[in-house]
Amino acid sequence: MSAMLLQRLIVFVIVIAAALYALWRWLPRAWRRGAARRLTTRAQNAGLIGARRASRISAALGRPAGCAACAQRAGCQSRQPATDRQPSQR
């Protein structure tokens, strides 16, 4: 295998991984939970993971992305209202 072919293969794998991550990140939460459940069920049926580990992975993959502000219908707790902020000093 030539160096150029290997480089293209590595770039292809990185791009596919980034695309899958972006897709997973922006999927609606219900779709992520369903996909996580199906993924862990198939891995468990194939004997790759046990039942306990499958439930932990499924729960972790189904969590909301980011700070979950949209799930709580409130802003992030770490943000301050604009009126409470101190002006920056130069």
PDB file of N, CA and C in Angstrom:
ATOM      1  N   MET A   1       0.855  -1.166   0.000  1.00  0.00           N
ATOM      2  CA  MET A   1       0.000   0.000   0.000  1.00  0.00           C
ATOM      3  C   MET A   1       0.904   1.233   0.000  1.00  0.00           C
ATOM      4  N   SER A   2       0.651   2.125  -0.882  1.00  0.00           N
ATOM      5  CA  SER A   2       1.491   3.322  -0.971  1.00  0.00           C
ATOM      6  C   SER A   2       1.133   4.310   0.139  1.00  0.00           C
ATOM      7  N   ALA A   3       2.042   5.227   0.389  1.00  0.00           N
ATOM      8  CA  ALA A   3       1.844   6.223   1.442  1.00  0.00           C
ATOM      9  C   ALA A   3       0.663   7.140   1.112  1.00  0.00           C
ATOM     10  N   MET A   4       0.497   7.467  -0.148  1.00  0.00           N
ATOM     11  CA  MET A   4      -0.608   8.350  -0.550  1.00  0.00           C
ATOM     12  C   MET A   4      -1.957   7.657  -0.329  1.00  0.00           C
ATOM     13  N   LEU A   5      -2.047   6.376  -0.633  1.00  0.00           N
ATOM     14  CA  LEU A   5      -3.285   5.637  -0.431  1.00  0.00           C
ATOM     15  C   LEU A   5      -3.607   5.536   1.060  1.00  0.00           C
ATOM     16  N   LEU A   6      -2.607   5.259   1.864  1.00  0.00           N
ATOM     17  CA  LEU A   6      -2.796   5.179   3.303  1.00  0.00           C
ATOM     18  C   LEU A   6      -3.255   6.521   3.869  1.00  0.00           C
ATOM     19  N   GLN A   7      -2.673   7.608   3.385  1.00  0.00           N
ATOM     20  CA  GLN A   7      -3.063   8.944   3.837  1.00  0.00           C
ATOM     21  C   GLN A   7      -4.522   9.225   3.478  1.00  0.00           C
ATOM     22  N   ARG A   8      -4.924   8.867   2.285  1.00  0.00           N
ATOM     23  CA  ARG A   8      -6.323   9.080   1.880  1.00  0.00           C
ATOM     24  C   ARG A   8      -7.280   8.243   2.708  1.00  0.00           C
ATOM     25  N   LEU A   9      -6.881   7.019   3.032  1.00  0.00           N
ATOM     26  CA  LEU A   9      -7.716   6.158   3.857  1.00  0.00           C
ATOM     27  C   LEU A   9      -7.887   6.746   5.253  1.00  0.00           C
ATOM     28  N   ILE A  10      -6.817   7.257   5.827  1.00  0.00           N
ATOM     29  CA  ILE A  10      -6.889   7.872   7.160  1.00  0.00           C
ATOM     30  C   ILE A  10      -7.786   9.111   7.135  1.00  0.00           C
ATOM     31  N   VAL A  11      -7.645   9.937   6.128  1.00  0.00           N
ATOM     32  CA  VAL A  11      -8.488  11.133   6.001  1.00  0.00           C
ATOM     33  C   VAL A  11      -9.948  10.735   5.839  1.00  0.00           C
ATOM     34  N   PHE A  12     -10.207   9.706   5.043  1.00  0.00           N
ATOM     35  CA  PHE A  12     -11.573   9.222   4.845  1.00  0.00           C
ATOM     36  C   PHE A  12     -12.187   8.774   6.167  1.00  0.00           C
ATOM     37  N   VAL A  13     -11.448   8.027   6.959  1.00  0.00           N
ATOM     38  CA  VAL A  13     -11.948   7.553   8.254  1.00  0.00           C
ATOM     39  C   VAL A  13     -12.224   8.730   9.186  1.00  0.00           C
ATOM     40  N   ILE A  14     -11.347   9.719   9.207  1.00  0.00           N
ATOM     41  CA  ILE A  14     -11.543  10.894  10.062  1.00  0.00           C
ATOM     42  C   ILE A  14     -12.784  11.685   9.639  1.00  0.00           C
ATOM     43  N   VAL A  15     -12.978  11.859   8.346  1.00  0.00           N
ATOM     44  CA  VAL A  15     -14.135  12.605   7.849  1.00  0.00           C
ATOM     45  C   VAL A  15     -15.437  11.866   8.160  1.00  0.00           C
ATOM     46  N   ILE A  16     -15.453  10.566   7.976  1.00  0.00           N
ATOM     47  CA  ILE A  16     -16.655   9.778   8.289  1.00  0.00           C
ATOM     48  C   ILE A  16     -16.954   9.845   9.783  1.00  0.00           C
ATOM     49  N   ALA A  17     -15.927   9.730  10.625  1.00  0.00           N
ATOM     50  CA  ALA A  17     -16.136   9.813  12.071  1.00  0.00           C
ATOM     51  C   ALA A  17     -16.689  11.185  12.466  1.00  0.00           C
ATOM     52  N   ALA A  18     -16.182  12.243  11.872  1.00  0.00           N
ATOM     53  CA  ALA A  18     -16.672  13.592  12.172  1.00  0.00           C
ATOM     54  C   ALA A  18     -18.113  13.771  11.717  1.00  0.00           C
ATOM     55  N   ALA A  19     -18.439  13.230  10.561  1.00  0.00           N
ATOM     56  CA  ALA A  19     -19.817  13.323  10.052  1.00  0.00           C
ATOM     57  C   ALA A  19     -20.785  12.557  10.950  1.00  0.00           C
ATOM     58  N   LEU A  20     -20.396  11.379  11.390  1.00  0.00           N
ATOM     59  CA  LEU A  20     -21.249  10.603  12.289  1.00  0.00           C
ATOM     60  C   LEU A  20     -21.424  11.308  13.631  1.00  0.00           C
ATOM     61  N   TYR A  21     -20.362  11.909  14.140  1.00  0.00           N
ATOM     62  CA  TYR A  21     -20.466  12.645  15.391  1.00  0.00           C
ATOM     63  C   TYR A  21     -21.428  13.823  15.246  1.00  0.00           C
ATOM     64  N   ALA A  22     -21.291  14.575  14.168  1.00  0.00           N
ATOM     65  CA  ALA A  22     -22.173  15.728  13.950  1.00  0.00           C
ATOM     66  C   ALA A  22     -23.622  15.281  13.808  1.00  0.00           C
ATOM     67  N   LEU A  23     -23.840  14.205  13.086  1.00  0.00           N
ATOM     68  CA  LEU A  23     -25.199  13.680  12.933  1.00  0.00           C
ATOM     69  C   LEU A  23     -25.759  13.273  14.287  1.00  0.00           C
ATOM     70  N   TRP A  24     -24.969  12.544  15.079  1.00  0.00           N
ATOM     71  CA  TRP A  24     -25.424  12.095  16.397  1.00  0.00           C
ATOM     72  C   TRP A  24     -25.707  13.281  17.306  1.00  0.00           C
ATOM     73  N   ARG A  25     -24.860  14.273  17.242  1.00  0.00           N
ATOM     74  CA  ARG A  25     -24.993  15.438  18.119  1.00  0.00           C
ATOM     75  C   ARG A  25     -26.270  16.215  17.852  1.00  0.00           C
ATOM     76  N   TRP A  26     -26.688  16.303  16.608  1.00  0.00           N
ATOM     77  CA  TRP A  26     -27.837  17.136  16.259  1.00  0.00           C
ATOM     78  C   TRP A  26     -29.123  16.356  16.054  1.00  0.00           C
ATOM     79  N   LEU A  27     -29.096  15.045  16.269  1.00  0.00           N
ATOM     80  CA  LEU A  27     -30.338  14.267  16.203  1.00  0.00           C
ATOM     81  C   LEU A  27     -31.244  14.646  17.366  1.00  0.00           C
ATOM     82  N   PRO A  28     -32.544  14.576  17.165  1.00  0.00           N
ATOM     83  CA  PRO A  28     -33.440  14.795  18.308  1.00  0.00           C
ATOM     84  C   PRO A  28     -33.188  13.737  19.396  1.00  0.00           C
ATOM     85  N   ARG A  29     -33.431  14.102  20.627  1.00  0.00           N
ATOM     86  CA  ARG A  29     -33.121  13.229  21.765  1.00  0.00           C
ATOM     87  C   ARG A  29     -33.837  11.886  21.671  1.00  0.00           C
ATOM     88  N   ALA A  30     -35.084  11.880  21.261  1.00  0.00           N
ATOM     89  CA  ALA A  30     -35.830  10.622  21.156  1.00  0.00           C
ATOM     90  C   ALA A  30     -35.187   9.694  20.126  1.00  0.00           C
ATOM     91  N   TRP A  31     -34.720  10.244  19.029  1.00  0.00           N
ATOM     92  CA  TRP A  31     -34.065   9.428  18.001  1.00  0.00           C
ATOM     93  C   TRP A  31     -32.739   8.877  18.526  1.00  0.00           C
ATOM     94  N   ARG A  32     -31.990   9.719  19.274  1.00  0.00           N
ATOM     95  CA  ARG A  32     -30.713   9.264  19.837  1.00  0.00           C
ATOM     96  C   ARG A  32     -30.931   8.124  20.818  1.00  0.00           C
ATOM     97  N   ARG A  33     -31.958   8.263  21.681  1.00  0.00           N
ATOM     98  CA  ARG A  33     -32.244   7.199  22.651  1.00  0.00           C
ATOM     99  C   ARG A  33     -32.610   5.905  21.946  1.00  0.00           C
ATOM    100  N   GLY A  34     -33.448   5.990  20.911  1.00  0.00           N
ATOM    101  CA  GLY A  34     -33.834   4.789  20.170  1.00  0.00           C
ATOM    102  C   GLY A  34     -32.651   4.149  19.462  1.00  0.00           C
ATOM    103  N   ALA A  35     -31.817   4.976  18.842  1.00  0.00           N
ATOM    104  CA  ALA A  35     -30.639   4.458  18.144  1.00  0.00           C
ATOM    105  C   ALA A  35     -29.652   3.855  19.141  1.00  0.00           C
ATOM    106  N   ALA A  36     -29.479   4.478  20.294  1.00  0.00           N
ATOM    107  CA  ALA A  36     -28.579   3.944  21.317  1.00  0.00           C
ATOM    108  C   ALA A  36     -29.091   2.606  21.831  1.00  0.00           C
ATOM    109  N   ARG A  37     -30.393   2.505  22.022  1.00  0.00           N
ATOM    110  CA  ARG A  37     -30.983   1.253  22.490  1.00  0.00           C
ATOM    111  C   ARG A  37     -30.780   0.134  21.467  1.00  0.00           C
ATOM    112  N   ARG A  38     -31.012   0.448  20.191  1.00  0.00           N
ATOM    113  CA  ARG A  38     -30.823  -0.567  19.143  1.00  0.00           C
ATOM    114  C   ARG A  38     -29.355  -0.961  19.018  1.00  0.00           C
ATOM    115  N   LEU A  39     -28.459   0.012  19.093  1.00  0.00           N
ATOM    116  CA  LEU A  39     -27.027  -0.259  18.978  1.00  0.00           C
ATOM    117  C   LEU A  39     -26.538  -1.158  20.111  1.00  0.00           C
ATOM    118  N   THR A  40     -26.939  -0.847  21.334  1.00  0.00           N
ATOM    119  CA  THR A  40     -26.493  -1.671  22.460  1.00  0.00           C
ATOM    120  C   THR A  40     -27.154  -3.042  22.463  1.00  0.00           C
ATOM    121  N   THR A  41     -28.396  -3.137  22.012  1.00  0.00           N
ATOM    122  CA  THR A  41     -29.060  -4.439  21.922  1.00  0.00           C
ATOM    123  C   THR A  41     -28.344  -5.331  20.923  1.00  0.00           C
ATOM    124  N   ARG A  42     -27.976  -4.783  19.789  1.00  0.00           N
ATOM    125  CA  ARG A  42     -27.253  -5.578  18.781  1.00  0.00           C
ATOM    126  C   ARG A  42     -25.877  -5.990  19.281  1.00  0.00           C
ATOM    127  N   ALA A  43     -25.180  -5.089  19.974  1.00  0.00           N
ATOM    128  CA  ALA A  43     -23.867  -5.427  20.522  1.00  0.00           C
ATOM    129  C   ALA A  43     -23.990  -6.509  21.589  1.00  0.00           C
ATOM    130  N   GLN A  44     -25.059  -6.447  22.379  1.00  0.00           N
ATOM    131  CA  GLN A  44     -25.284  -7.454  23.415  1.00  0.00           C
ATOM    132  C   GLN A  44     -25.631  -8.795  22.784  1.00  0.00           C
ATOM    133  N   ASN A  45     -26.473  -8.804  21.768  1.00  0.00           N
ATOM    134  CA  ASN A  45     -26.841 -10.044  21.087  1.00  0.00           C
ATOM    135  C   ASN A  45     -25.646 -10.681  20.389  1.00  0.00           C
ATOM    136  N   ALA A  46     -24.705  -9.869  19.941  1.00  0.00           N
ATOM    137  CA  ALA A  46     -23.507 -10.385  19.284  1.00  0.00           C
ATOM    138  C   ALA A  46     -22.478 -10.875  20.300  1.00  0.00           C
ATOM    139  N   GLY A  47     -22.728 -10.636  21.580  1.00  0.00           N
ATOM    140  CA  GLY A  47     -21.811 -11.077  22.615  1.00  0.00           C
ATOM    141  C   GLY A  47     -20.643 -10.141  22.846  1.00  0.00           C
ATOM    142  N   LEU A  48     -20.735  -8.918  22.342  1.00  0.00           N
ATOM    143  CA  LEU A  48     -19.641  -7.966  22.512  1.00  0.00           C
ATOM    144  C   LEU A  48     -19.645  -7.310  23.887  1.00  0.00           C
ATOM    145  N   ILE A  49     -20.845  -7.134  24.484  1.00  0.00           N
ATOM    146  CA  ILE A  49     -20.961  -6.515  25.800  1.00  0.00           C
ATOM    147  C   ILE A  49     -22.012  -7.261  26.609  1.00  0.00           C
ATOM    148  N   GLY A  50     -21.966  -7.102  27.931  1.00  0.00           N
ATOM    149  CA  GLY A  50     -22.938  -7.725  28.816  1.00  0.00           C
ATOM    150  C   GLY A  50     -24.156  -6.831  29.001  1.00  0.00           C
ATOM    151  N   ALA A  51     -25.171  -7.359  29.684  1.00  0.00           N
ATOM    152  CA  ALA A  51     -26.427  -6.626  29.878  1.00  0.00           C
ATOM    153  C   ALA A  51     -26.229  -5.371  30.710  1.00  0.00           C
ATOM    154  N   ARG A  52     -25.430  -5.466  31.761  1.00  0.00           N
ATOM    155  CA  ARG A  52     -25.209  -4.303  32.630  1.00  0.00           C
ATOM    156  C   ARG A  52     -24.497  -3.192  31.869  1.00  0.00           C
ATOM    157  N   ARG A  53     -23.479  -3.559  31.148  1.00  0.00           N
ATOM    158  CA  ARG A  53     -22.720  -2.564  30.367  1.00  0.00           C
ATOM    159  C   ARG A  53     -23.592  -1.978  29.259  1.00  0.00           C
ATOM    160  N   ALA A  54     -24.441  -2.797  28.649  1.00  0.00           N
ATOM    161  CA  ALA A  54     -25.328  -2.315  27.585  1.00  0.00           C
ATOM    162  C   ALA A  54     -26.289  -1.258  28.100  1.00  0.00           C
ATOM    163  N   SER A  55     -26.827  -1.463  29.296  1.00  0.00           N
ATOM    164  CA  SER A  55     -27.761  -0.466  29.836  1.00  0.00           C
ATOM    165  C   SER A  55     -27.041   0.831  30.183  1.00  0.00           C
ATOM    166  N   ARG A  56     -25.784   0.735  30.689  1.00  0.00           N
ATOM    167  CA  ARG A  56     -25.028   1.952  30.988  1.00  0.00           C
ATOM    168  C   ARG A  56     -24.665   2.713  29.721  1.00  0.00           C
ATOM    169  N   ILE A  57     -24.262   1.997  28.689  1.00  0.00           N
ATOM    170  CA  ILE A  57     -23.897   2.647  27.424  1.00  0.00           C
ATOM    171  C   ILE A  57     -25.123   3.285  26.795  1.00  0.00           C
ATOM    172  N   SER A  58     -26.249   2.574  26.815  1.00  0.00           N
ATOM    173  CA  SER A  58     -27.479   3.108  26.234  1.00  0.00           C
ATOM    174  C   SER A  58     -27.912   4.388  26.947  1.00  0.00           C
ATOM    175  N   ALA A  59     -27.800   4.399  28.266  1.00  0.00           N
ATOM    176  CA  ALA A  59     -28.172   5.599  29.026  1.00  0.00           C
ATOM    177  C   ALA A  59     -27.230   6.754  28.707  1.00  0.00           C
ATOM    178  N   ALA A  60     -25.939   6.463  28.598  1.00  0.00           N
ATOM    179  CA  ALA A  60     -24.966   7.518  28.308  1.00  0.00           C
ATOM    180  C   ALA A  60     -25.160   8.084  26.906  1.00  0.00           C
ATOM    181  N   LEU A  61     -25.430   7.227  25.936  1.00  0.00           N
ATOM    182  CA  LEU A  61     -25.614   7.701  24.568  1.00  0.00           C
ATOM    183  C   LEU A  61     -26.928   8.444  24.377  1.00  0.00           C
ATOM    184  N   GLY A  62     -27.908   8.172  25.219  1.00  0.00           N
ATOM    185  CA  GLY A  62     -29.204   8.823  25.090  1.00  0.00           C
ATOM    186  C   GLY A  62     -29.316  10.142  25.811  1.00  0.00           C
ATOM    187  N   ARG A  63     -28.272  10.521  26.554  1.00  0.00           N
ATOM    188  CA  ARG A  63     -28.300  11.803  27.268  1.00  0.00           C
ATOM    189  C   ARG A  63     -28.337  12.967  26.299  1.00  0.00           C
ATOM    190  N   PRO A  64     -28.884  14.091  26.751  1.00  0.00           N
ATOM    191  CA  PRO A  64     -28.892  15.261  25.880  1.00  0.00           C
ATOM    192  C   PRO A  64     -27.487  15.797  25.653  1.00  0.00           C
ATOM    193  N   ALA A  65     -27.278  16.340  24.504  1.00  0.00           N
ATOM    194  CA  ALA A  65     -25.984  16.949  24.184  1.00  0.00           C
ATOM    195  C   ALA A  65     -25.958  18.362  24.736  1.00  0.00           C
ATOM    196  N   GLY A  66     -24.832  18.815  25.162  1.00  0.00           N
ATOM    197  CA  GLY A  66     -24.698  20.175  25.665  1.00  0.00           C
ATOM    198  C   GLY A  66     -25.160  20.295  27.098  1.00  0.00           C
ATOM    199  N   CYS A  67     -25.711  21.448  27.450  1.00  0.00           N
ATOM    200  CA  CYS A  67     -26.085  21.708  28.838  1.00  0.00           C
ATOM    201  C   CYS A  67     -27.533  21.339  29.129  1.00  0.00           C
ATOM    202  N   ALA A  68     -28.271  20.834  28.176  1.00  0.00           N
ATOM    203  CA  ALA A  68     -29.661  20.391  28.328  1.00  0.00           C
ATOM    204  C   ALA A  68     -30.608  21.541  28.633  1.00  0.00           C
ATOM    205  N   ALA A  69     -30.254  22.751  28.264  1.00  0.00           N
ATOM    206  CA  ALA A  69     -31.107  23.903  28.526  1.00  0.00           C
ATOM    207  C   ALA A  69     -32.435  23.782  27.790  1.00  0.00           C
ATOM    208  N   CYS A  70     -32.394  23.226  26.589  1.00  0.00           N
ATOM    209  CA  CYS A  70     -33.641  23.116  25.835  1.00  0.00           C
ATOM    210  C   CYS A  70     -34.556  22.069  26.455  1.00  0.00           C
ATOM    211  N   ALA A  71     -34.002  21.057  27.119  1.00  0.00           N
ATOM    212  CA  ALA A  71     -34.822  20.043  27.769  1.00  0.00           C
ATOM    213  C   ALA A  71     -35.482  20.607  29.024  1.00  0.00           C
ATOM    214  N   GLN A  72     -34.819  21.536  29.683  1.00  0.00           N
ATOM    215  CA  GLN A  72     -35.347  22.139  30.906  1.00  0.00           C
ATOM    216  C   GLN A  72     -36.204  23.365  30.620  1.00  0.00           C
ATOM    217  N   ARG A  73     -36.177  23.839  29.402  1.00  0.00           N
ATOM    218  CA  ARG A  73     -36.888  25.062  29.001  1.00  0.00           C
ATOM    219  C   ARG A  73     -36.413  26.267  29.805  1.00  0.00           C
ATOM    220  N   ALA A  74     -35.116  26.273  30.101  1.00  0.00           N
ATOM    221  CA  ALA A  74     -34.520  27.400  30.815  1.00  0.00           C
ATOM    222  C   ALA A  74     -33.103  27.579  30.301  1.00  0.00           C
ATOM    223  N   GLY A  75     -32.536  28.714  30.549  1.00  0.00           N
ATOM    224  CA  GLY A  75     -31.174  28.971  30.115  1.00  0.00           C
ATOM    225  C   GLY A  75     -30.173  28.237  30.980  1.00  0.00           C
ATOM    226  N   CYS A  76     -28.948  28.225  30.543  1.00  0.00           N
ATOM    227  CA  CYS A  76     -27.883  27.579  31.312  1.00  0.00           C
ATOM    228  C   CYS A  76     -27.701  28.298  32.634  1.00  0.00           C
ATOM    229  N   GLN A  77     -27.409  27.538  33.666  1.00  0.00           N
ATOM    230  CA  GLN A  77     -27.219  28.115  34.988  1.00  0.00           C
ATOM    231  C   GLN A  77     -25.943  28.951  35.065  1.00  0.00           C
ATOM    232  N   SER A  78     -24.980  28.630  34.219  1.00  0.00           N
ATOM    233  CA  SER A  78     -23.707  29.337  34.279  1.00  0.00           C
ATOM    234  C   SER A  78     -23.763  30.723  33.636  1.00  0.00           C
ATOM    235  N   ARG A  79     -24.777  30.997  32.898  1.00  0.00           N
ATOM    236  CA  ARG A  79     -24.880  32.304  32.248  1.00  0.00           C
ATOM    237  C   ARG A  79     -25.497  33.323  33.199  1.00  0.00           C
ATOM    238  N   GLN A  80     -25.037  34.530  33.092  1.00  0.00           N
ATOM    239  CA  GLN A  80     -25.575  35.614  33.896  1.00  0.00           C
ATOM    240  C   GLN A  80     -26.366  36.537  32.980  1.00  0.00           C
ATOM    241  N   PRO A  81     -27.405  37.179  33.523  1.00  0.00           N
ATOM    242  CA  PRO A  81     -28.113  38.164  32.708  1.00  0.00           C
ATOM    243  C   PRO A  81     -27.184  39.300  32.318  1.00  0.00           C
ATOM    244  N   ALA A  82     -27.445  39.929  31.204  1.00  0.00           N
ATOM    245  CA  ALA A  82     -26.582  40.991  30.685  1.00  0.00           C
ATOM    246  C   ALA A  82     -26.489  42.168  31.641  1.00  0.00           C
ATOM    247  N   THR A  83     -27.522  42.433  32.444  1.00  0.00           N
ATOM    248  CA  THR A  83     -27.511  43.571  33.362  1.00  0.00           C
ATOM    249  C   THR A  83     -26.598  43.331  34.554  1.00  0.00           C
ATOM    250  N   ASP A  84     -26.317  42.081  34.910  1.00  0.00           N
ATOM    251  CA  ASP A  84     -25.482  41.768  36.062  1.00  0.00           C
ATOM    252  C   ASP A  84     -23.993  41.739  35.729  1.00  0.00           C
ATOM    253  N   ARG A  85     -23.651  41.789  34.495  1.00  0.00           N
ATOM    254  CA  ARG A  85     -22.247  41.672  34.107  1.00  0.00           C
ATOM    255  C   ARG A  85     -21.508  42.987  34.371  1.00  0.00           C
ATOM    256  N   GLN A  86     -20.280  42.846  34.774  1.00  0.00           N
ATOM    257  CA  GLN A  86     -19.427  44.002  34.988  1.00  0.00           C
ATOM    258  C   GLN A  86     -18.785  44.381  33.655  1.00  0.00           C
ATOM    259  N   PRO A  87     -18.662  45.665  33.363  1.00  0.00           N
ATOM    260  CA  PRO A  87     -17.978  46.046  32.135  1.00  0.00           C
ATOM    261  C   PRO A  87     -16.512  45.673  32.212  1.00  0.00           C
ATOM    262  N   SER A  88     -15.975  45.265  31.095  1.00  0.00           N
ATOM    263  CA  SER A  88     -14.550  44.903  31.086  1.00  0.00           C
ATOM    264  C   SER A  88     -13.708  46.153  31.216  1.00  0.00           C
ATOM    265  N   GLN A  89     -12.630  46.006  31.957  1.00  0.00           N
ATOM    266  CA  GLN A  89     -11.757  47.147  32.187  1.00  0.00           C
ATOM    267  C   GLN A  89     -10.520  46.993  31.333  1.00  0.00           C
ATOM    268  N   ARG A  90     -10.123  48.069  30.697  1.00  0.00           N
ATOM    269  CA  ARG A  90      -8.954  48.039  29.816  1.00  0.00           C
ATOM    270  C   ARG A  90      -7.900  48.946  30.340  1.00  0.00           C
TER     271      ARG A  90
END
